[in-house]
PDB file of N, CA and C in Angstrom:
ATOM      1  N   MET A   1       9.446  18.629 -50.986  1.00  0.00           N
ATOM      2  CA  MET A   1       9.332  18.235 -49.604  1.00  0.00           C
ATOM      3  C   MET A   1      10.206  19.157 -48.756  1.00  0.00           C
ATOM      4  N   SER A   2       9.667  19.705 -47.689  1.00  0.00           N
ATOM      5  CA  SER A   2      10.420  20.634 -46.852  1.00  0.00           C
ATOM      6  C   SER A   2      10.513  20.097 -45.427  1.00  0.00           C
ATOM      7  N   GLU A   3      11.376  19.136 -45.238  1.00  0.00           N
ATOM      8  CA  GLU A   3      11.572  18.568 -43.912  1.00  0.00           C
ATOM      9  C   GLU A   3      12.437  19.497 -43.071  1.00  0.00           C
ATOM     10  N   ILE A   4      12.076  19.603 -41.808  1.00  0.00           N
ATOM     11  CA  ILE A   4      12.825  20.403 -40.855  1.00  0.00           C
ATOM     12  C   ILE A   4      13.136  19.520 -39.651  1.00  0.00           C
ATOM     13  N   THR A   5      14.382  19.535 -39.203  1.00  0.00           N
ATOM     14  CA  THR A   5      14.764  18.784 -38.015  1.00  0.00           C
ATOM     15  C   THR A   5      14.906  19.742 -36.846  1.00  0.00           C
ATOM     16  N   HIS A   6      14.225  19.426 -35.765  1.00  0.00           N
ATOM     17  CA  HIS A   6      14.274  20.216 -34.543  1.00  0.00           C
ATOM     18  C   HIS A   6      15.085  19.446 -33.511  1.00  0.00           C
ATOM     19  N   PHE A   7      15.881  20.159 -32.745  1.00  0.00           N
ATOM     20  CA  PHE A   7      16.668  19.569 -31.663  1.00  0.00           C
ATOM     21  C   PHE A   7      16.131  20.141 -30.357  1.00  0.00           C
ATOM     22  N   MET A   8      15.712  19.272 -29.471  1.00  0.00           N
ATOM     23  CA  MET A   8      15.034  19.687 -28.249  1.00  0.00           C
ATOM     24  C   MET A   8      15.659  19.046 -27.021  1.00  0.00           C
ATOM     25  N   VAL A   9      15.451  19.707 -25.882  1.00  0.00           N
ATOM     26  CA  VAL A   9      15.862  19.192 -24.577  1.00  0.00           C
ATOM     27  C   VAL A   9      14.665  19.322 -23.646  1.00  0.00           C
ATOM     28  N   VAL A  10      14.433  18.291 -22.846  1.00  0.00           N
ATOM     29  CA  VAL A  10      13.384  18.344 -21.832  1.00  0.00           C
ATOM     30  C   VAL A  10      14.017  17.978 -20.494  1.00  0.00           C
ATOM     31  N   PRO A  11      13.947  18.894 -19.507  1.00  0.00           N
ATOM     32  CA  PRO A  11      14.429  18.571 -18.160  1.00  0.00           C
ATOM     33  C   PRO A  11      13.336  17.850 -17.370  1.00  0.00           C
ATOM     34  N   PHE A  12      13.729  17.107 -16.349  1.00  0.00           N
ATOM     35  CA  PHE A  12      12.787  16.399 -15.484  1.00  0.00           C
ATOM     36  C   PHE A  12      13.102  16.717 -14.036  1.00  0.00           C
ATOM     37  N   ASP A  13      12.046  16.840 -13.227  1.00  0.00           N
ATOM     38  CA  ASP A  13      12.193  17.135 -11.808  1.00  0.00           C
ATOM     39  C   ASP A  13      11.315  16.203 -10.985  1.00  0.00           C
ATOM     40  N   TYR A  14      11.711  16.019  -9.714  1.00  0.00           N
ATOM     41  CA  TYR A  14      10.876  15.280  -8.776  1.00  0.00           C
ATOM     42  C   TYR A  14       9.826  16.230  -8.213  1.00  0.00           C
ATOM     43  N   ILE A  15       8.552  15.856  -8.351  1.00  0.00           N
ATOM     44  CA  ILE A  15       7.461  16.629  -7.771  1.00  0.00           C
ATOM     45  C   ILE A  15       6.515  15.646  -7.087  1.00  0.00           C
ATOM     46  N   ASP A  16       6.384  15.788  -5.789  1.00  0.00           N
ATOM     47  CA  ASP A  16       5.531  14.906  -4.979  1.00  0.00           C
ATOM     48  C   ASP A  16       5.850  13.430  -5.213  1.00  0.00           C
ATOM     49  N   GLY A  17       7.122  13.096  -5.318  1.00  0.00           N
ATOM     50  CA  GLY A  17       7.549  11.708  -5.469  1.00  0.00           C
ATOM     51  C   GLY A  17       7.511  11.174  -6.894  1.00  0.00           C
ATOM     52  N   ASP A  18       7.063  11.972  -7.837  1.00  0.00           N
ATOM     53  CA  ASP A  18       7.021  11.558  -9.242  1.00  0.00           C
ATOM     54  C   ASP A  18       8.042  12.354 -10.043  1.00  0.00           C
ATOM     55  N   ILE A  19       8.458  11.787 -11.173  1.00  0.00           N
ATOM     56  CA  ILE A  19       9.337  12.518 -12.086  1.00  0.00           C
ATOM     57  C   ILE A  19       8.447  13.162 -13.147  1.00  0.00           C
ATOM     58  N   VAL A  20       8.553  14.489 -13.257  1.00  0.00           N
ATOM     59  CA  VAL A  20       7.675  15.256 -14.133  1.00  0.00           C
ATOM     60  C   VAL A  20       8.506  16.032 -15.151  1.00  0.00           C
ATOM     61  N   ALA A  21       8.046  16.036 -16.408  1.00  0.00           N
ATOM     62  CA  ALA A  21       8.742  16.764 -17.475  1.00  0.00           C
ATOM     63  C   ALA A  21       8.582  18.259 -17.277  1.00  0.00           C
ATOM     64  N   GLY A  22       9.667  18.978 -17.567  1.00  0.00           N
ATOM     65  CA  GLY A  22       9.644  20.436 -17.511  1.00  0.00           C
ATOM     66  C   GLY A  22       9.361  21.023 -18.876  1.00  0.00           C
ATOM     67  N   GLU A  23       9.633  22.280 -19.008  1.00  0.00           N
ATOM     68  CA  GLU A  23       9.402  23.012 -20.258  1.00  0.00           C
ATOM     69  C   GLU A  23      10.459  22.629 -21.294  1.00  0.00           C
ATOM     70  N   PRO A  24      10.056  22.228 -22.514  1.00  0.00           N
ATOM     71  CA  PRO A  24      11.037  21.883 -23.553  1.00  0.00           C
ATOM     72  C   PRO A  24      11.833  23.116 -23.989  1.00  0.00           C
ATOM     73  N   VAL A  25      13.095  22.869 -24.362  1.00  0.00           N
ATOM     74  CA  VAL A  25      13.993  23.934 -24.806  1.00  0.00           C
ATOM     75  C   VAL A  25      14.478  23.584 -26.206  1.00  0.00           C
ATOM     76  N   LYS A  26      14.328  24.509 -27.159  1.00  0.00           N
ATOM     77  CA  LYS A  26      14.793  24.291 -28.530  1.00  0.00           C
ATOM     78  C   LYS A  26      16.274  24.635 -28.616  1.00  0.00           C
ATOM     79  N   CYS A  27      17.044  23.834 -29.349  1.00  0.00           N
ATOM     80  CA  CYS A  27      18.484  24.035 -29.503  1.00  0.00           C
ATOM     81  C   CYS A  27      18.844  24.097 -30.990  1.00  0.00           C
ATOM     82  N   PRO A  28      19.951  24.765 -31.330  1.00  0.00           N
ATOM     83  CA  PRO A  28      20.305  24.943 -32.741  1.00  0.00           C
ATOM     84  C   PRO A  28      20.973  23.743 -33.410  1.00  0.00           C
ATOM     85  N   SER A  29      21.492  22.790 -32.607  1.00  0.00           N
ATOM     86  CA  SER A  29      22.214  21.653 -33.198  1.00  0.00           C
ATOM     87  C   SER A  29      22.157  20.463 -32.250  1.00  0.00           C
ATOM     88  N   PRO A  30      22.529  19.272 -32.734  1.00  0.00           N
ATOM     89  CA  PRO A  30      22.556  18.104 -31.850  1.00  0.00           C
ATOM     90  C   PRO A  30      23.556  18.274 -30.714  1.00  0.00           C
ATOM     91  N   ALA A  31      24.728  18.821 -31.016  1.00  0.00           N
ATOM     92  CA  ALA A  31      25.756  19.016 -29.984  1.00  0.00           C
ATOM     93  C   ALA A  31      25.269  19.992 -28.917  1.00  0.00           C
ATOM     94  N   ALA A  32      24.590  21.047 -29.342  1.00  0.00           N
ATOM     95  CA  ALA A  32      24.065  22.020 -28.383  1.00  0.00           C
ATOM     96  C   ALA A  32      22.981  21.385 -27.509  1.00  0.00           C
ATOM     97  N   ALA A  33      22.159  20.526 -28.092  1.00  0.00           N
ATOM     98  CA  ALA A  33      21.105  19.858 -27.327  1.00  0.00           C
ATOM     99  C   ALA A  33      21.705  18.933 -26.269  1.00  0.00           C
ATOM    100  N   VAL A  34      22.711  18.168 -26.638  1.00  0.00           N
ATOM    101  CA  VAL A  34      23.355  17.262 -25.684  1.00  0.00           C
ATOM    102  C   VAL A  34      24.029  18.061 -24.569  1.00  0.00           C
ATOM    103  N   ALA A  35      24.742  19.121 -24.929  1.00  0.00           N
ATOM    104  CA  ALA A  35      25.419  19.947 -23.921  1.00  0.00           C
ATOM    105  C   ALA A  35      24.401  20.607 -22.991  1.00  0.00           C
ATOM    106  N   ARG A  36      23.300  21.085 -23.530  1.00  0.00           N
ATOM    107  CA  ARG A  36      22.259  21.729 -22.714  1.00  0.00           C
ATOM    108  C   ARG A  36      21.619  20.730 -21.764  1.00  0.00           C
ATOM    109  N   ALA A  37      21.334  19.518 -22.255  1.00  0.00           N
ATOM    110  CA  ALA A  37      20.736  18.487 -21.407  1.00  0.00           C
ATOM    111  C   ALA A  37      21.672  18.128 -20.263  1.00  0.00           C
ATOM    112  N   GLN A  38      22.940  17.970 -20.572  1.00  0.00           N
ATOM    113  CA  GLN A  38      23.910  17.634 -19.523  1.00  0.00           C
ATOM    114  C   GLN A  38      24.005  18.770 -18.502  1.00  0.00           C
ATOM    115  N   GLY A  39      23.999  20.001 -18.975  1.00  0.00           N
ATOM    116  CA  GLY A  39      24.056  21.144 -18.068  1.00  0.00           C
ATOM    117  C   GLY A  39      22.837  21.246 -17.167  1.00  0.00           C
ATOM    118  N   LEU A  40      21.661  21.000 -17.729  1.00  0.00           N
ATOM    119  CA  LEU A  40      20.445  21.047 -16.918  1.00  0.00           C
ATOM    120  C   LEU A  40      20.479  20.000 -15.819  1.00  0.00           C
ATOM    121  N   TRP A  41      21.018  18.842 -16.129  1.00  0.00           N
ATOM    122  CA  TRP A  41      21.088  17.759 -15.149  1.00  0.00           C
ATOM    123  C   TRP A  41      22.209  17.989 -14.144  1.00  0.00           C
ATOM    124  N   LYS A  42      23.407  18.208 -14.626  1.00  0.00           N
ATOM    125  CA  LYS A  42      24.586  18.264 -13.761  1.00  0.00           C
ATOM    126  C   LYS A  42      24.746  19.612 -13.058  1.00  0.00           C
ATOM    127  N   THR A  43      24.570  20.699 -13.765  1.00  0.00           N
ATOM    128  CA  THR A  43      24.822  22.027 -13.213  1.00  0.00           C
ATOM    129  C   THR A  43      23.611  22.594 -12.478  1.00  0.00           C
ATOM    130  N   PHE A  44      22.430  22.476 -13.062  1.00  0.00           N
ATOM    131  CA  PHE A  44      21.246  23.096 -12.479  1.00  0.00           C
ATOM    132  C   PHE A  44      20.471  22.172 -11.547  1.00  0.00           C
ATOM    133  N   GLY A  45      20.895  20.905 -11.434  1.00  0.00           N
ATOM    134  CA  GLY A  45      20.328  20.014 -10.439  1.00  0.00           C
ATOM    135  C   GLY A  45      18.972  19.423 -10.728  1.00  0.00           C
ATOM    136  N   HIS A  46      18.575  19.361 -12.007  1.00  0.00           N
ATOM    137  CA  HIS A  46      17.332  18.659 -12.331  1.00  0.00           C
ATOM    138  C   HIS A  46      17.546  17.165 -12.105  1.00  0.00           C
ATOM    139  N   ALA A  47      16.472  16.425 -11.922  1.00  0.00           N
ATOM    140  CA  ALA A  47      16.576  14.976 -11.723  1.00  0.00           C
ATOM    141  C   ALA A  47      17.167  14.291 -12.952  1.00  0.00           C
ATOM    142  N   GLY A  48      16.918  14.850 -14.117  1.00  0.00           N
ATOM    143  CA  GLY A  48      17.425  14.300 -15.368  1.00  0.00           C
ATOM    144  C   GLY A  48      17.066  15.202 -16.522  1.00  0.00           C
ATOM    145  N   ALA A  49      17.549  14.836 -17.698  1.00  0.00           N
ATOM    146  CA  ALA A  49      17.230  15.586 -18.913  1.00  0.00           C
ATOM    147  C   ALA A  49      17.464  14.676 -20.114  1.00  0.00           C
ATOM    148  N   ILE A  50      16.743  14.951 -21.179  1.00  0.00           N
ATOM    149  CA  ILE A  50      16.904  14.180 -22.407  1.00  0.00           C
ATOM    150  C   ILE A  50      17.047  15.147 -23.584  1.00  0.00           C
ATOM    151  N   ALA A  51      17.971  14.800 -24.482  1.00  0.00           N
ATOM    152  CA  ALA A  51      18.150  15.551 -25.726  1.00  0.00           C
ATOM    153  C   ALA A  51      17.637  14.656 -26.855  1.00  0.00           C
ATOM    154  N   PHE A  52      16.832  15.220 -27.740  1.00  0.00           N
ATOM    155  CA  PHE A  52      16.307  14.422 -28.845  1.00  0.00           C
ATOM    156  C   PHE A  52      16.109  15.293 -30.078  1.00  0.00           C
ATOM    157  N   SER A  53      15.933  14.602 -31.213  1.00  0.00           N
ATOM    158  CA  SER A  53      15.625  15.304 -32.457  1.00  0.00           C
ATOM    159  C   SER A  53      14.328  14.754 -33.011  1.00  0.00           C
ATOM    160  N   ARG A  54      13.674  15.570 -33.812  1.00  0.00           N
ATOM    161  CA  ARG A  54      12.437  15.155 -34.472  1.00  0.00           C
ATOM    162  C   ARG A  54      12.366  15.873 -35.811  1.00  0.00           C
ATOM    163  N   THR A  55      12.099  15.107 -36.855  1.00  0.00           N
ATOM    164  CA  THR A  55      11.974  15.667 -38.198  1.00  0.00           C
ATOM    165  C   THR A  55      10.500  15.797 -38.543  1.00  0.00           C
ATOM    166  N   THR A  56      10.146  16.944 -39.105  1.00  0.00           N
ATOM    167  CA  THR A  56       8.756  17.188 -39.486  1.00  0.00           C
ATOM    168  C   THR A  56       8.696  17.674 -40.931  1.00  0.00           C
ATOM    169  N   ASP A  57       7.578  17.402 -41.563  1.00  0.00           N
ATOM    170  CA  ASP A  57       7.301  17.931 -42.892  1.00  0.00           C
ATOM    171  C   ASP A  57       5.928  18.583 -42.814  1.00  0.00           C
ATOM    172  N   PHE A  58       5.915  19.903 -42.663  1.00  0.00           N
ATOM    173  CA  PHE A  58       4.665  20.624 -42.457  1.00  0.00           C
ATOM    174  C   PHE A  58       3.752  20.609 -43.681  1.00  0.00           C
ATOM    175  N   GLU A  59       4.318  20.444 -44.873  1.00  0.00           N
ATOM    176  CA  GLU A  59       3.496  20.434 -46.083  1.00  0.00           C
ATOM    177  C   GLU A  59       2.512  19.274 -46.096  1.00  0.00           C
ATOM    178  N   ILE A  60       2.955  18.118 -45.602  1.00  0.00           N
ATOM    179  CA  ILE A  60       2.070  16.953 -45.602  1.00  0.00           C
ATOM    180  C   ILE A  60       1.612  16.569 -44.193  1.00  0.00           C
ATOM    181  N   GLY A  61       2.032  17.343 -43.189  1.00  0.00           N
ATOM    182  CA  GLY A  61       1.616  17.069 -41.815  1.00  0.00           C
ATOM    183  C   GLY A  61       2.257  15.844 -41.205  1.00  0.00           C
ATOM    184  N   LYS A  62       3.453  15.536 -41.628  1.00  0.00           N
ATOM    185  CA  LYS A  62       4.152  14.342 -41.145  1.00  0.00           C
ATOM    186  C   LYS A  62       5.079  14.708 -39.993  1.00  0.00           C
ATOM    187  N   PHE A  63       4.972  13.974 -38.886  1.00  0.00           N
ATOM    188  CA  PHE A  63       5.836  14.150 -37.730  1.00  0.00           C
ATOM    189  C   PHE A  63       6.503  12.814 -37.442  1.00  0.00           C
ATOM    190  N   ASP A  64       7.808  12.735 -37.676  1.00  0.00           N
ATOM    191  CA  ASP A  64       8.530  11.485 -37.440  1.00  0.00           C
ATOM    192  C   ASP A  64       8.690  11.221 -35.948  1.00  0.00           C
ATOM    193  N   VAL A  65       8.935   9.973 -35.628  1.00  0.00           N
ATOM    194  CA  VAL A  65       9.196   9.570 -34.250  1.00  0.00           C
ATOM    195  C   VAL A  65      10.471  10.255 -33.780  1.00  0.00           C
ATOM    196  N   LYS A  66      10.504  10.620 -32.518  1.00  0.00           N
ATOM    197  CA  LYS A  66      11.689  11.298 -32.020  1.00  0.00           C
ATOM    198  C   LYS A  66      12.876  10.337 -31.946  1.00  0.00           C
ATOM    199  N   HIS A  67      14.063  10.889 -32.113  1.00  0.00           N
ATOM    200  CA  HIS A  67      15.302  10.128 -32.025  1.00  0.00           C
ATOM    201  C   HIS A  67      16.069  10.635 -30.810  1.00  0.00           C
ATOM    202  N   THR A  68      16.282   9.762 -29.830  1.00  0.00           N
ATOM    203  CA  THR A  68      16.987  10.158 -28.615  1.00  0.00           C
ATOM    204  C   THR A  68      18.466  10.331 -28.911  1.00  0.00           C
ATOM    205  N   LEU A  69      18.974  11.512 -28.576  1.00  0.00           N
ATOM    206  CA  LEU A  69      20.398  11.789 -28.749  1.00  0.00           C
ATOM    207  C   LEU A  69      21.177  11.379 -27.510  1.00  0.00           C
ATOM    208  N   ARG A  70      20.655  11.727 -26.318  1.00  0.00           N
ATOM    209  CA  ARG A  70      21.346  11.390 -25.069  1.00  0.00           C
ATOM    210  C   ARG A  70      20.405  11.595 -23.887  1.00  0.00           C
ATOM    211  N   ARG A  71      20.563  10.736 -22.861  1.00  0.00           N
ATOM    212  CA  ARG A  71      19.799  10.848 -21.612  1.00  0.00           C
ATOM    213  C   ARG A  71      20.775  11.093 -20.465  1.00  0.00           C
ATOM    214  N   PHE A  72      20.358  11.900 -19.523  1.00  0.00           N
ATOM    215  CA  PHE A  72      21.160  12.151 -18.328  1.00  0.00           C
ATOM    216  C   PHE A  72      20.273  12.021 -17.101  1.00  0.00           C
ATOM    217  N   GLY A  73      20.755  11.346 -16.060  1.00  0.00           N
ATOM    218  CA  GLY A  73      20.020  11.219 -14.803  1.00  0.00           C
ATOM    219  C   GLY A  73      18.761  10.403 -14.935  1.00  0.00           C
ATOM    220  N   GLN A  74      17.743  10.789 -14.174  1.00  0.00           N
ATOM    221  CA  GLN A  74      16.475  10.081 -14.120  1.00  0.00           C
ATOM    222  C   GLN A  74      15.512  10.604 -15.176  1.00  0.00           C
ATOM    223  N   VAL A  75      15.223   9.768 -16.159  1.00  0.00           N
ATOM    224  CA  VAL A  75      14.293  10.111 -17.236  1.00  0.00           C
ATOM    225  C   VAL A  75      13.274   8.977 -17.344  1.00  0.00           C
ATOM    226  N   PRO A  76      11.976   9.269 -17.320  1.00  0.00           N
ATOM    227  CA  PRO A  76      10.961   8.216 -17.427  1.00  0.00           C
ATOM    228  C   PRO A  76      11.153   7.381 -18.710  1.00  0.00           C
ATOM    229  N   SER A  77      10.808   6.114 -18.623  1.00  0.00           N
ATOM    230  CA  SER A  77      11.015   5.177 -19.736  1.00  0.00           C
ATOM    231  C   SER A  77      10.235   5.558 -20.997  1.00  0.00           C
ATOM    232  N   GLU A  78       9.093   6.257 -20.859  1.00  0.00           N
ATOM    233  CA  GLU A  78       8.319   6.616 -22.050  1.00  0.00           C
ATOM    234  C   GLU A  78       8.999   7.695 -22.881  1.00  0.00           C
ATOM    235  N   TYR A  79      10.061   8.288 -22.360  1.00  0.00           N
ATOM    236  CA  TYR A  79      10.824   9.262 -23.131  1.00  0.00           C
ATOM    237  C   TYR A  79      12.032   8.591 -23.710  1.00  0.00           C
TER     238      TYR A  79
END
């Protein structure tokens, strides 16, 4: 079994009164993902950002449910 864990960040912005997800960013570790999410929200002025991890096993096509590491600012409930 060859499971791989990915650490991702997704920023969110207000567009026409709605909160819309931006382009996902891959990070090398959980700490880097949390720091990047906080920076996108606090420093770059996005409405919010979320850091999460997801484990996949490409051999069997298994994609586990994402695990939220941290949320900052305004993030839609479905994330």
